[in-house]
Amino acid sequence: MKGRPMGTNPPRVFDFHSHWGTEQGWKGSPFDNPEAREGTRSYFKWDMKFVSEEEQAAQFRQANAKVMLDFAYTYKMDVGAVRDQHDYAFDYARKYPDVVLGNWITIDPTQPGHVKELERCLSEGPGLIGMGLHPFSRAGLPDSPAWENCINLCIEANRPVLMLTGMSASGVGVRGGGGLLLEDCHPRHVDRIAARYPALNVIAARVAWPWQSEMIAIALHKANVWMELHGWSPRYYSEELKREIGKRLRKKTFFAVDYPMLSHERLVNEWRELGLSSDVLDDVFSGNAEAFLASLGVN
């Protein structure tokens, strides 16, 4: 049985990685720079227009989506500004619990104030709170010693980490790529962290192109590794990735979008066009997320 046809009511989806459609949600991001904004506009064909908090919630409801929101750039801020952003996110989650799954918290583990803020978020934040192991922070790569304390905090709280893999949209079209090294997003770093911390739940973010085969092998090999595929149109997935999602990676793949650059409706429709069975689509859209959340004790 193939996936549901386009034009039917949207399925319930758990989106494991999107950004904010509000102006406050992009505070401190590199898209304040006109050159970087133009590169992102060209890459995603997104017009960079922001919406209100209520409009964002309405868009999520219309798509029948519950979303994991990511600031992504707060690790560059001073601790006061970071806390303000987190309070903004937590207030939003409490106001709109039907559409907010939780938040990815991205900090600088070399700053004691940031570490304390992570502890606060893990204990007080509503919904699912996880840490972004950001390879571009001054702490260095995720397997550097600077990250160890924060990783252990996530293990103690039974909360996941998010690790970026593959081609980054940040720095696209900018001379020198904005100083970012794509090599820092090689999935080998996911493998190293998952092996070093077997009690840690690791979610690899994005399609791992141009290292997709390596990422598939790691997800198959490590029971504590999952994948979410935000930022890519499913029609551009490799044949190998599409085949494995329908078979061996069926229980290891989470739906993710990268709103507002991409829309939930578009990605749901394109997933349905992949030719996967309805049972596989149900797992990717919601079943895998529900099982994962239950294992963490998150309602």
Protein backbone atom coordinates (compact mmCIF):
# COMPACT_ATOMS: atom_id res chain seq x y z
CA MET A 1 0.00 0.00 0.00
CA LYS A 2 1.55 3.31 -1.03
CA GLY A 3 1.50 6.61 0.87
CA ARG A 4 -1.64 8.72 1.06
CA PRO A 5 -2.38 10.85 -2.00
CA MET A 6 -1.76 14.57 -2.06
CA GLY A 7 -4.71 16.74 -1.12
CA THR A 8 -5.93 14.61 1.83
CA ASN A 9 -6.00 15.90 5.40
CA PRO A 10 -2.46 16.38 6.75
CA PRO A 11 -1.16 13.56 8.93
CA ARG A 12 0.00 14.29 12.47
CA VAL A 13 3.72 15.04 12.24
CA PHE A 14 6.44 15.53 14.82
CA ASP A 15 9.04 17.87 13.37
CA PHE A 16 12.39 17.28 15.08
CA HIS A 17 14.12 20.34 13.69
CA SER A 18 12.81 23.70 12.58
CA HIS A 19 13.66 27.31 13.26
CA TRP A 20 11.57 30.32 14.21
CA GLY A 21 9.38 32.26 11.85
CA THR A 22 9.35 35.22 14.25
CA GLU A 23 11.84 38.07 14.18
CA GLN A 24 12.74 37.53 17.84
CA GLY A 25 13.53 33.91 17.07
CA TRP A 26 16.28 34.97 14.65
CA LYS A 27 17.89 37.46 17.04
CA GLY A 28 21.68 37.21 16.93
CA SER A 29 21.77 35.02 13.84
CA PRO A 30 24.22 35.62 10.98
CA PHE A 31 21.24 36.50 8.78
CA ASP A 32 21.48 40.01 10.21
CA ASN A 33 24.29 40.29 7.65
CA PRO A 34 22.89 41.27 4.21
CA GLU A 35 25.39 39.08 2.34
CA ALA A 36 24.53 35.98 4.34
CA ARG A 37 20.82 36.75 4.09
CA GLU A 38 21.04 36.93 0.33
CA GLY A 39 22.90 33.62 0.18
CA THR A 40 20.23 31.92 2.28
CA ARG A 41 17.42 33.51 0.26
CA SER A 42 18.96 32.12 -2.92
CA TYR A 43 19.62 28.67 -1.41
CA PHE A 44 16.14 28.11 0.07
CA LYS A 45 14.13 30.54 -2.10
CA TRP A 46 12.86 31.99 1.21
CA ASP A 47 11.92 35.68 1.23
CA MET A 48 13.05 36.20 4.87
CA LYS A 49 9.68 37.64 5.90
CA PHE A 50 8.78 37.08 9.55
CA VAL A 51 5.43 36.30 11.17
CA SER A 52 3.93 36.97 14.60
CA GLU A 53 3.94 34.38 17.38
CA GLU A 54 0.24 33.68 16.84
CA GLU A 55 0.69 33.39 13.07
CA GLN A 56 3.48 30.88 13.59
CA ALA A 57 1.32 28.76 15.89
CA ALA A 58 -1.51 28.91 13.35
CA GLN A 59 0.81 27.70 10.60
CA PHE A 60 1.91 24.76 12.74
CA ARG A 61 -1.71 23.89 13.55
CA GLN A 62 -2.71 24.05 9.92
CA ALA A 63 0.09 21.59 9.11
CA ASN A 64 -0.94 19.38 12.10
CA ALA A 65 2.65 19.64 13.32
CA LYS A 66 4.31 19.60 16.72
CA VAL A 67 7.71 21.20 16.34
CA MET A 68 11.15 21.05 17.96
CA LEU A 69 12.46 24.62 17.67
CA ASP A 70 16.13 25.53 17.33
CA PHE A 71 17.77 28.92 17.81
CA ALA A 72 21.08 27.55 16.46
CA TYR A 73 23.12 30.73 17.04
CA THR A 74 22.72 31.48 20.75
CA TYR A 75 26.12 29.95 21.52
CA LYS A 76 27.63 33.24 20.28
CA MET A 77 25.64 35.40 22.72
CA ASP A 78 26.47 36.52 26.24
CA VAL A 79 24.68 34.53 28.91
CA GLY A 80 22.09 37.23 29.64
CA ALA A 81 20.97 37.35 26.03
CA VAL A 82 20.93 33.56 25.84
CA ARG A 83 18.71 33.35 28.89
CA ASP A 84 16.35 35.94 27.41
CA GLN A 85 16.04 33.86 24.22
CA HIS A 86 15.37 30.70 26.19
CA ASP A 87 12.72 32.43 28.32
CA TYR A 88 11.10 33.67 25.10
CA ALA A 89 11.06 30.10 23.79
CA PHE A 90 9.75 28.61 27.03
CA ASP A 91 6.98 31.20 27.32
CA TYR A 92 5.98 30.39 23.75
CA ALA A 93 5.95 26.65 24.48
CA ARG A 94 3.75 27.15 27.53
CA LYS A 95 1.35 29.34 25.55
CA TYR A 96 1.17 26.98 22.57
CA PRO A 97 1.81 23.46 23.96
CA ASP A 98 -0.21 21.86 21.19
CA VAL A 99 2.32 22.87 18.52
CA VAL A 100 5.65 23.00 20.39
CA LEU A 101 7.46 19.74 21.04
CA GLY A 102 10.43 21.42 22.74
CA ASN A 103 13.66 23.26 22.07
CA TRP A 104 17.23 22.56 21.04
CA ILE A 105 19.50 24.52 23.37
CA THR A 106 22.78 25.66 21.81
CA ILE A 107 25.41 26.98 24.23
CA ASP A 108 29.14 27.55 24.53
CA PRO A 109 30.47 24.95 26.99
CA THR A 110 33.65 26.99 27.58
CA GLN A 111 31.57 29.66 29.37
CA PRO A 112 30.50 28.70 32.93
CA GLY A 113 27.42 30.90 32.66
CA HIS A 114 26.32 29.03 29.54
CA VAL A 115 26.76 25.69 31.31
CA LYS A 116 24.59 26.88 34.22
CA GLU A 117 22.01 28.03 31.70
CA LEU A 118 21.98 24.56 30.12
CA GLU A 119 21.39 23.06 33.56
CA ARG A 120 18.46 25.45 34.10
CA CYS A 121 16.96 24.59 30.73
CA LEU A 122 17.28 20.85 31.26
CA SER A 123 15.51 21.09 34.63
CA GLU A 124 12.95 23.85 33.96
CA GLY A 125 12.27 23.92 30.22
CA PRO A 126 8.86 22.69 29.03
CA GLY A 127 8.60 19.74 26.67
CA LEU A 128 11.67 18.07 25.23
CA ILE A 129 14.89 19.97 25.89
CA GLY A 130 18.01 18.76 24.10
CA MET A 131 21.46 20.20 23.50
CA GLY A 132 22.90 21.09 20.12
CA LEU A 133 26.51 19.85 19.93
CA HIS A 134 27.52 22.68 17.64
CA PRO A 135 30.78 21.99 15.74
CA PHE A 136 31.29 25.67 14.89
CA SER A 137 31.49 27.00 18.46
CA ARG A 138 34.83 27.96 19.98
CA ALA A 139 34.67 24.79 22.09
CA GLY A 140 35.75 22.91 19.01
CA LEU A 141 34.49 19.64 17.63
CA PRO A 142 31.93 17.68 19.66
CA ASP A 143 34.48 15.09 20.77
CA SER A 144 36.76 17.74 22.28
CA PRO A 145 37.15 17.70 26.11
CA ALA A 146 35.30 21.03 26.47
CA TRP A 147 31.99 19.32 25.71
CA GLU A 148 32.29 16.43 28.18
CA ASN A 149 30.62 18.11 31.17
CA CYS A 150 27.60 19.24 29.16
CA ILE A 151 27.23 15.84 27.50
CA ASN A 152 27.18 14.22 30.93
CA LEU A 153 24.50 16.69 32.03
CA CYS A 154 22.34 15.50 29.11
CA ILE A 155 22.95 11.86 30.03
CA GLU A 156 21.95 12.52 33.66
CA ALA A 157 18.78 14.30 32.52
CA ASN A 158 18.02 11.57 29.92
CA ARG A 159 17.91 14.16 27.17
CA PRO A 160 19.30 13.90 23.62
CA VAL A 161 21.93 15.84 21.75
CA LEU A 162 21.67 17.07 18.18
CA MET A 163 24.71 16.88 15.89
CA LEU A 164 24.87 18.55 12.49
CA THR A 165 26.01 16.45 9.54
CA GLY A 166 26.61 17.12 5.87
CA MET A 167 26.33 20.28 3.79
CA SER A 168 25.54 23.41 5.79
CA ALA A 169 23.27 26.18 4.52
CA SER A 170 25.11 28.59 6.80
CA GLY A 171 27.80 30.33 4.82
CA VAL A 172 26.36 29.34 1.44
CA GLY A 173 27.30 31.80 -1.26
CA VAL A 174 29.67 33.75 1.01
CA ARG A 175 33.39 34.02 0.26
CA GLY A 176 35.16 31.47 2.40
CA GLY A 177 31.82 30.00 3.43
CA GLY A 178 31.71 32.39 6.35
CA GLY A 179 34.78 30.65 7.77
CA LEU A 180 32.90 27.38 8.33
CA LEU A 181 34.54 24.06 7.50
CA LEU A 182 32.15 21.47 6.09
CA GLU A 183 34.56 18.80 7.31
CA ASP A 184 33.47 19.66 10.86
CA CYS A 185 30.04 18.21 9.98
CA HIS A 186 31.35 14.83 8.88
CA PRO A 187 29.29 12.01 10.45
CA ARG A 188 32.46 10.46 11.90
CA HIS A 189 31.94 12.83 14.82
CA VAL A 190 28.50 11.30 15.45
CA ASP A 191 30.12 7.87 15.48
CA ARG A 192 32.78 8.95 17.98
CA ILE A 193 30.33 10.55 20.39
CA ALA A 194 27.88 7.64 20.22
CA ALA A 195 30.70 5.16 20.91
CA ARG A 196 32.20 7.18 23.75
CA TYR A 197 28.84 7.78 25.47
CA PRO A 198 26.62 4.71 24.94
CA ALA A 199 24.03 6.07 27.39
CA LEU A 200 23.62 9.23 25.29
CA ASN A 201 20.85 9.54 22.71
CA VAL A 202 22.33 11.15 19.58
CA ILE A 203 20.26 12.60 16.74
CA ALA A 204 22.16 13.31 13.53
CA ALA A 205 20.71 16.39 11.86
CA ARG A 206 20.29 16.95 8.11
CA VAL A 207 20.94 14.73 5.14
CA ALA A 208 24.63 13.86 5.49
CA TRP A 209 25.57 14.55 1.87
CA PRO A 210 28.25 14.12 0.62
CA TRP A 211 28.86 11.43 3.27
CA GLN A 212 25.44 9.78 3.27
CA SER A 213 26.68 6.19 3.08
CA GLU A 214 28.85 6.73 6.14
CA MET A 215 25.89 8.16 8.07
CA ILE A 216 23.70 5.20 7.11
CA ALA A 217 26.35 2.80 8.38
CA ILE A 218 26.63 4.67 11.69
CA ALA A 219 22.86 4.75 12.24
CA LEU A 220 22.70 1.02 11.57
CA HIS A 221 25.69 0.25 13.78
CA LYS A 222 24.87 2.37 16.84
CA ALA A 223 21.63 1.69 18.71
CA ASN A 224 21.83 5.15 20.30
CA VAL A 225 21.86 7.05 16.99
CA TRP A 226 18.87 8.37 15.03
CA MET A 227 18.60 10.62 11.98
CA GLU A 228 16.42 13.65 11.19
CA LEU A 229 16.51 15.02 7.66
CA HIS A 230 15.67 18.72 7.91
CA GLY A 231 16.60 21.22 5.25
CA TRP A 232 16.28 18.91 2.25
CA SER A 233 13.52 18.26 -0.21
CA PRO A 234 12.88 14.48 -0.12
CA ARG A 235 12.94 14.37 -3.92
CA TYR A 236 16.69 15.02 -3.70
CA TYR A 237 17.46 12.17 -1.28
CA SER A 238 19.89 9.63 -2.68
CA GLU A 239 18.47 6.32 -3.87
CA GLU A 240 20.43 4.58 -1.13
CA LEU A 241 18.89 6.77 1.57
CA LYS A 242 15.34 6.31 0.25
CA ARG A 243 15.84 2.54 0.07
CA GLU A 244 17.19 2.29 3.62
CA ILE A 245 14.43 4.48 5.09
CA GLY A 246 11.93 1.98 3.75
CA LYS A 247 13.87 -0.94 5.23
CA ARG A 248 16.65 -0.94 7.81
CA LEU A 249 16.31 2.72 8.86
CA ARG A 250 12.54 2.66 9.13
CA LYS A 251 12.64 2.96 12.96
CA LYS A 252 15.67 5.26 13.04
CA THR A 253 14.37 8.21 11.00
CA PHE A 254 12.54 11.28 12.31
CA PHE A 255 10.59 13.74 10.20
CA ALA A 256 12.07 17.26 10.20
CA VAL A 257 11.47 20.30 8.05
CA ASP A 258 13.61 23.44 8.55
CA TYR A 259 10.67 25.83 8.76
CA PRO A 260 10.37 28.69 7.77
CA MET A 261 12.77 28.06 4.86
CA LEU A 262 10.71 25.00 3.92
CA SER A 263 7.07 24.27 4.72
CA HIS A 264 5.55 21.29 6.48
CA GLU A 265 2.93 20.87 3.76
CA ARG A 266 5.54 20.72 1.00
CA LEU A 267 7.71 18.15 2.77
CA VAL A 268 4.76 15.94 3.75
CA ASN A 269 3.64 15.85 0.13
CA GLU A 270 7.14 15.10 -1.12
CA TRP A 271 7.57 12.30 1.43
CA ARG A 272 4.31 10.82 0.10
CA GLU A 273 5.75 10.93 -3.40
CA LEU A 274 8.71 8.70 -2.46
CA GLY A 275 6.68 5.52 -2.94
CA LEU A 276 7.09 4.35 0.66
CA SER A 277 4.36 2.26 2.26
CA SER A 278 1.82 3.98 4.52
CA ASP A 279 3.22 2.04 7.49
CA VAL A 280 6.71 3.44 6.89
CA LEU A 281 5.34 6.96 6.48
CA ASP A 282 3.38 6.61 9.72
CA ASP A 283 6.62 5.66 11.51
CA VAL A 284 8.56 8.58 10.04
CA PHE A 285 5.82 11.17 10.53
CA SER A 286 4.88 10.26 14.10
CA GLY A 287 5.43 6.67 15.27
CA ASN A 288 9.19 6.85 15.74
CA ALA A 289 8.90 10.16 17.57
CA GLU A 290 6.20 8.85 19.90
CA ALA A 291 8.31 5.80 20.79
CA PHE A 292 11.41 7.93 21.33
CA LEU A 293 9.58 10.45 23.51
CA ALA A 294 8.05 7.66 25.58
CA SER A 295 11.54 6.23 26.22
CA LEU A 296 12.56 9.63 27.63
CA GLY A 297 9.42 10.02 29.73
CA VAL A 298 8.24 13.04 27.70
CA ASN A 299 4.49 13.36 27.14
